[in-house]
């Protein structure tokens, strides 16, 4: 996966994407198998990681969504 400048995503990019997911700016975050280890670093440091839900897709891709409270 690349960022908006065409560079490969790093931990900071994934941290930003996770925050956007939490804030509702993104509906989902798709992580390709070759990016998973870098994503995992950002995910483990993310304060709301217990509310990030991943669904495995065919080929090893994982699509993450953020589980909101019923009142949100």
N, C-alpha and C. Protein backbone atom coordinates (compact mmCIF):
# COMPACT_ATOMS: atom_id res chain seq x y z
N UNK A 1 0.85 -1.17 0.00
CA UNK A 1 0.00 0.00 0.00
C UNK A 1 0.90 1.24 0.00
N UNK A 2 0.48 2.24 -0.72
CA UNK A 2 1.26 3.48 -0.75
C UNK A 2 0.43 4.62 -0.18
N UNK A 3 1.13 5.65 0.30
CA UNK A 3 0.44 6.82 0.82
C UNK A 3 0.12 7.79 -0.33
N UNK A 4 -0.36 8.96 0.00
CA UNK A 4 -0.79 9.92 -1.03
C UNK A 4 0.35 10.41 -1.91
N UNK A 5 1.59 10.25 -1.45
CA UNK A 5 2.74 10.68 -2.24
C UNK A 5 3.34 9.54 -3.04
N UNK A 6 2.74 8.36 -2.98
CA UNK A 6 3.24 7.21 -3.72
C UNK A 6 4.32 6.43 -3.01
N UNK A 7 4.64 6.81 -1.77
CA UNK A 7 5.63 6.10 -0.97
C UNK A 7 4.95 4.92 -0.27
N UNK A 8 5.75 3.92 0.09
CA UNK A 8 5.20 2.81 0.85
C UNK A 8 4.78 3.30 2.23
N UNK A 9 3.69 2.74 2.74
CA UNK A 9 3.17 3.14 4.05
C UNK A 9 4.14 2.74 5.15
N UNK A 10 4.27 3.61 6.14
CA UNK A 10 5.07 3.27 7.31
C UNK A 10 4.18 3.33 8.54
N UNK A 11 4.76 3.11 9.70
CA UNK A 11 3.98 3.06 10.94
C UNK A 11 3.18 4.34 11.15
N UNK A 12 3.79 5.49 10.88
CA UNK A 12 3.11 6.78 11.05
C UNK A 12 1.90 6.89 10.13
N UNK A 13 2.04 6.45 8.89
CA UNK A 13 0.92 6.48 7.95
C UNK A 13 -0.23 5.62 8.45
N UNK A 14 0.09 4.42 8.94
CA UNK A 14 -0.97 3.54 9.45
C UNK A 14 -1.59 4.10 10.72
N UNK A 15 -0.80 4.75 11.56
CA UNK A 15 -1.34 5.38 12.76
C UNK A 15 -2.34 6.46 12.37
N UNK A 16 -1.99 7.26 11.37
CA UNK A 16 -2.91 8.29 10.87
C UNK A 16 -4.19 7.67 10.31
N UNK A 17 -4.05 6.58 9.58
CA UNK A 17 -5.22 5.91 9.00
C UNK A 17 -6.12 5.34 10.10
N UNK A 18 -5.52 4.76 11.13
CA UNK A 18 -6.31 4.24 12.26
C UNK A 18 -7.06 5.36 12.96
N UNK A 19 -6.41 6.51 13.14
CA UNK A 19 -7.08 7.64 13.78
C UNK A 19 -8.25 8.13 12.93
N UNK A 20 -8.07 8.17 11.62
CA UNK A 20 -9.15 8.57 10.71
C UNK A 20 -10.30 7.56 10.77
N UNK A 21 -9.97 6.30 10.91
CA UNK A 21 -10.99 5.27 11.06
C UNK A 21 -11.79 5.51 12.33
N UNK A 22 -11.10 5.78 13.41
CA UNK A 22 -11.75 6.07 14.70
C UNK A 22 -12.61 7.32 14.63
N UNK A 23 -12.11 8.35 13.96
CA UNK A 23 -12.82 9.63 13.87
C UNK A 23 -13.97 9.62 12.87
N UNK A 24 -14.11 8.53 12.12
CA UNK A 24 -15.18 8.42 11.14
C UNK A 24 -14.85 9.03 9.79
N UNK A 25 -13.61 9.47 9.60
CA UNK A 25 -13.19 10.02 8.31
C UNK A 25 -13.02 8.92 7.27
N UNK A 26 -12.76 7.68 7.74
CA UNK A 26 -12.69 6.50 6.88
C UNK A 26 -13.72 5.49 7.37
N UNK A 27 -14.37 4.80 6.43
CA UNK A 27 -15.30 3.74 6.81
C UNK A 27 -14.58 2.42 7.04
N UNK A 28 -13.49 2.23 6.32
CA UNK A 28 -12.72 1.00 6.45
C UNK A 28 -11.28 1.26 6.05
N UNK A 29 -10.42 0.37 6.51
CA UNK A 29 -8.99 0.43 6.20
C UNK A 29 -8.59 -0.95 5.69
N UNK A 30 -8.09 -1.01 4.48
CA UNK A 30 -7.68 -2.28 3.87
C UNK A 30 -6.17 -2.42 3.97
N UNK A 31 -5.73 -3.56 4.50
CA UNK A 31 -4.30 -3.83 4.67
C UNK A 31 -3.95 -5.07 3.85
N UNK A 32 -2.98 -4.90 2.97
CA UNK A 32 -2.50 -5.99 2.14
C UNK A 32 -1.51 -6.85 2.94
N UNK A 33 -1.37 -8.12 2.57
CA UNK A 33 -0.47 -9.01 3.32
C UNK A 33 0.96 -8.49 3.46
N UNK A 34 1.49 -7.86 2.41
CA UNK A 34 2.88 -7.38 2.48
C UNK A 34 3.03 -6.16 3.39
N UNK A 35 1.94 -5.53 3.80
CA UNK A 35 1.98 -4.37 4.70
C UNK A 35 1.63 -4.73 6.14
N UNK A 36 1.26 -5.98 6.37
CA UNK A 36 0.71 -6.34 7.67
C UNK A 36 1.67 -6.09 8.84
N UNK A 37 2.93 -6.43 8.70
CA UNK A 37 3.86 -6.28 9.82
C UNK A 37 4.03 -4.81 10.23
N UNK A 38 4.07 -3.91 9.26
CA UNK A 38 4.17 -2.49 9.57
C UNK A 38 2.87 -2.01 10.20
N UNK A 39 1.74 -2.44 9.63
CA UNK A 39 0.43 -2.10 10.21
C UNK A 39 0.35 -2.58 11.65
N UNK A 40 0.81 -3.80 11.91
CA UNK A 40 0.72 -4.40 13.26
C UNK A 40 1.41 -3.53 14.30
N UNK A 41 2.54 -2.94 13.94
CA UNK A 41 3.24 -2.04 14.87
C UNK A 41 2.36 -0.86 15.26
N UNK A 42 1.73 -0.24 14.27
CA UNK A 42 0.84 0.90 14.54
C UNK A 42 -0.38 0.45 15.32
N UNK A 43 -0.94 -0.69 14.95
CA UNK A 43 -2.14 -1.22 15.60
C UNK A 43 -1.88 -1.48 17.08
N UNK A 44 -0.76 -2.09 17.43
CA UNK A 44 -0.46 -2.43 18.82
C UNK A 44 -0.28 -1.20 19.69
N UNK A 45 0.13 -0.09 19.10
CA UNK A 45 0.30 1.17 19.85
C UNK A 45 -0.96 2.03 19.84
N UNK A 46 -1.99 1.64 19.10
CA UNK A 46 -3.20 2.45 18.96
C UNK A 46 -4.07 2.31 20.20
N UNK A 47 -4.46 3.44 20.79
CA UNK A 47 -5.19 3.43 22.06
C UNK A 47 -6.55 2.76 21.99
N UNK A 48 -7.20 2.77 20.86
CA UNK A 48 -8.54 2.20 20.74
C UNK A 48 -8.53 0.91 19.92
N UNK A 49 -7.44 0.17 19.97
CA UNK A 49 -7.32 -1.02 19.11
C UNK A 49 -8.36 -2.09 19.40
N UNK A 50 -8.88 -2.12 20.62
CA UNK A 50 -9.89 -3.14 20.95
C UNK A 50 -11.21 -2.91 20.23
N UNK A 51 -11.36 -1.75 19.62
CA UNK A 51 -12.59 -1.44 18.89
C UNK A 51 -12.38 -1.50 17.38
N UNK A 52 -11.18 -1.86 16.97
CA UNK A 52 -10.88 -2.03 15.55
C UNK A 52 -11.08 -3.51 15.22
N UNK A 53 -11.98 -3.76 14.28
CA UNK A 53 -12.36 -5.13 13.93
C UNK A 53 -11.89 -5.44 12.51
N UNK A 54 -11.16 -6.54 12.38
CA UNK A 54 -10.65 -6.95 11.08
C UNK A 54 -11.41 -8.13 10.52
N UNK A 55 -11.63 -8.12 9.22
CA UNK A 55 -12.27 -9.23 8.51
C UNK A 55 -11.32 -9.69 7.42
N UNK A 56 -10.87 -10.94 7.52
CA UNK A 56 -9.94 -11.49 6.54
C UNK A 56 -10.65 -11.72 5.22
N UNK A 57 -9.96 -11.40 4.16
CA UNK A 57 -10.46 -11.58 2.81
C UNK A 57 -9.62 -12.65 2.11
N UNK A 58 -10.08 -13.09 0.98
CA UNK A 58 -9.33 -14.06 0.19
C UNK A 58 -7.99 -13.45 -0.23
N UNK A 59 -6.93 -14.22 -0.12
CA UNK A 59 -5.62 -13.74 -0.53
C UNK A 59 -4.83 -13.08 0.58
N UNK A 60 -5.36 -13.05 1.80
CA UNK A 60 -4.62 -12.49 2.92
C UNK A 60 -4.86 -11.03 3.22
N UNK A 61 -5.67 -10.36 2.43
CA UNK A 61 -6.03 -8.96 2.70
C UNK A 61 -6.96 -8.92 3.90
N UNK A 62 -6.80 -7.91 4.75
CA UNK A 62 -7.68 -7.73 5.90
C UNK A 62 -8.32 -6.35 5.80
N UNK A 63 -9.65 -6.30 5.99
CA UNK A 63 -10.39 -5.04 5.97
C UNK A 63 -10.79 -4.73 7.41
N UNK A 64 -10.34 -3.58 7.90
CA UNK A 64 -10.61 -3.16 9.27
C UNK A 64 -11.70 -2.10 9.30
N UNK A 65 -12.58 -2.20 10.30
CA UNK A 65 -13.59 -1.18 10.56
C UNK A 65 -13.50 -0.81 12.04
N UNK A 66 -14.12 0.30 12.39
CA UNK A 66 -14.12 0.75 13.78
C UNK A 66 -15.50 0.55 14.37
N UNK A 67 -15.55 -0.16 15.48
CA UNK A 67 -16.81 -0.46 16.15
C UNK A 67 -17.20 0.71 17.05
N UNK A 68 -18.24 1.42 16.64
CA UNK A 68 -18.72 2.59 17.40
C UNK A 68 -19.67 2.15 18.50
N UNK A 69 -19.82 2.98 19.52
CA UNK A 69 -20.86 2.76 20.53
C UNK A 69 -22.21 2.93 19.89
N UNK A 70 -23.23 2.33 20.47
CA UNK A 70 -24.59 2.47 19.96
C UNK A 70 -25.03 3.93 19.91
N UNK A 71 -24.59 4.75 20.87
CA UNK A 71 -25.02 6.15 20.92
C UNK A 71 -24.20 7.06 20.02
N UNK A 72 -23.13 6.57 19.43
CA UNK A 72 -22.29 7.40 18.54
C UNK A 72 -22.86 7.43 17.14
